[in-house]
């Protein structure tokens, strides 16, 4: 016996779009799954840039005792750069010997 499927008298509502779904769809279409191996997880759509990779738009602070992430390829975080400007030490020596205050957090 054949069963007949009746259309609903109520108009169907589209599923609400998840915030950012358009952006995720764009990423899926435009980013190669094997782009930046070890940094780009295509399945999760997550990028965790390697601070030691010159292609990453961030770097580590050159001060050996600190090495917090810095925006761009500037070399030092803002507090260490300010301390270096007021120091009489050559850059190499400053980076090797400067010890930031113990009260600073890694997010400075």
Protein backbone atom coordinates (compact mmCIF):
# COMPACT_ATOMS: atom_id res chain seq x y z
CA UNK A 1 0.00 0.00 0.00
CA UNK A 2 1.32 3.44 -0.93
CA UNK A 3 1.27 6.18 1.68
CA UNK A 4 0.58 9.75 0.60
CA UNK A 5 2.68 12.54 2.10
CA UNK A 6 0.68 15.68 2.71
CA UNK A 7 2.20 19.12 2.65
CA UNK A 8 2.04 21.04 5.90
CA UNK A 9 -0.47 23.88 5.95
CA UNK A 10 2.09 25.91 7.90
CA UNK A 11 4.84 27.72 6.02
CA UNK A 12 8.25 26.23 6.67
CA UNK A 13 10.74 28.34 8.52
CA UNK A 14 14.38 28.26 7.48
CA UNK A 15 16.83 27.09 10.09
CA UNK A 16 18.42 30.10 11.80
CA UNK A 17 21.95 30.66 10.58
CA UNK A 18 24.68 30.29 13.13
CA UNK A 19 26.64 33.53 13.69
CA UNK A 20 29.77 33.41 11.58
CA UNK A 21 28.46 30.57 9.39
CA UNK A 22 29.02 32.65 6.24
CA UNK A 23 32.62 33.26 7.23
CA UNK A 24 33.20 29.56 7.92
CA UNK A 25 31.71 28.63 4.56
CA UNK A 26 34.03 31.15 2.86
CA UNK A 27 37.04 29.67 4.68
CA UNK A 28 36.09 26.14 3.63
CA UNK A 29 35.96 27.21 0.00
CA UNK A 30 39.11 29.37 -0.03
CA UNK A 31 41.68 27.85 2.34
CA UNK A 32 43.51 24.74 1.21
CA UNK A 33 43.39 21.94 3.82
CA UNK A 34 47.19 21.55 3.67
CA UNK A 35 47.95 25.28 4.12
CA UNK A 36 50.57 25.94 6.84
CA UNK A 37 50.90 22.35 8.18
CA UNK A 38 51.14 22.23 11.95
CA UNK A 39 49.48 25.64 12.24
CA UNK A 40 46.20 25.34 10.30
CA UNK A 41 43.65 22.70 11.39
CA UNK A 42 41.23 22.61 8.46
CA UNK A 43 38.81 20.22 10.18
CA UNK A 44 38.34 22.58 13.14
CA UNK A 45 38.91 25.77 11.11
CA UNK A 46 41.52 26.85 13.65
CA UNK A 47 44.81 28.62 13.03
CA UNK A 48 47.51 28.65 15.68
CA UNK A 49 50.42 30.48 14.13
CA UNK A 50 53.97 29.37 14.88
CA UNK A 51 55.72 32.39 16.40
CA UNK A 52 59.04 31.11 15.06
CA UNK A 53 57.76 31.07 11.46
CA UNK A 54 58.66 34.26 9.54
CA UNK A 55 55.33 34.02 7.68
CA UNK A 56 53.41 34.50 10.95
CA UNK A 57 52.38 38.08 11.71
CA UNK A 58 53.64 37.82 15.29
CA UNK A 59 56.89 36.93 16.97
CA UNK A 60 58.44 36.33 20.37
CA UNK A 61 59.99 39.12 22.39
CA UNK A 62 63.76 39.02 21.84
CA UNK A 63 64.41 39.39 25.59
CA UNK A 64 65.56 35.91 26.57
CA UNK A 65 64.01 36.07 30.05
CA UNK A 66 60.56 37.01 28.71
CA UNK A 67 59.77 35.87 25.12
CA UNK A 68 56.09 36.80 25.28
CA UNK A 69 54.20 36.98 21.95
CA UNK A 70 54.51 40.36 20.20
CA UNK A 71 52.40 41.79 17.41
CA UNK A 72 54.21 41.91 14.09
CA UNK A 73 57.88 41.16 13.63
CA UNK A 74 59.05 44.06 15.87
CA UNK A 75 61.39 42.07 18.06
CA UNK A 76 60.37 43.17 21.55
CA UNK A 77 57.11 43.56 23.43
CA UNK A 78 56.17 47.15 24.36
CA UNK A 79 57.44 47.07 27.97
CA UNK A 80 60.79 45.52 26.96
CA UNK A 81 61.15 47.95 24.04
CA UNK A 82 60.60 50.88 26.45
CA UNK A 83 63.19 49.46 28.86
CA UNK A 84 65.67 48.96 25.99
CA UNK A 85 65.26 52.61 24.89
CA UNK A 86 66.19 53.81 28.38
CA UNK A 87 69.13 51.39 28.67
CA UNK A 88 72.74 52.15 27.81
CA UNK A 89 73.38 48.50 26.88
CA UNK A 90 73.86 47.42 23.27
CA UNK A 91 70.80 45.59 21.89
CA UNK A 92 72.37 42.10 22.00
CA UNK A 93 73.50 42.51 25.60
CA UNK A 94 70.16 44.00 26.67
CA UNK A 95 68.21 41.12 25.12
CA UNK A 96 70.47 38.55 26.79
CA UNK A 97 70.56 40.10 30.28
CA UNK A 98 67.41 42.16 30.89
CA UNK A 99 65.12 40.65 33.53
CA UNK A 100 61.58 42.06 33.54
CA UNK A 101 60.01 42.81 36.90
CA UNK A 102 58.66 39.71 38.66
CA UNK A 103 55.23 41.35 39.02
CA UNK A 104 54.70 41.61 35.25
CA UNK A 105 52.31 39.13 33.71
CA UNK A 106 52.92 37.42 30.38
CA UNK A 107 50.03 39.42 28.89
CA UNK A 108 51.71 42.83 29.31
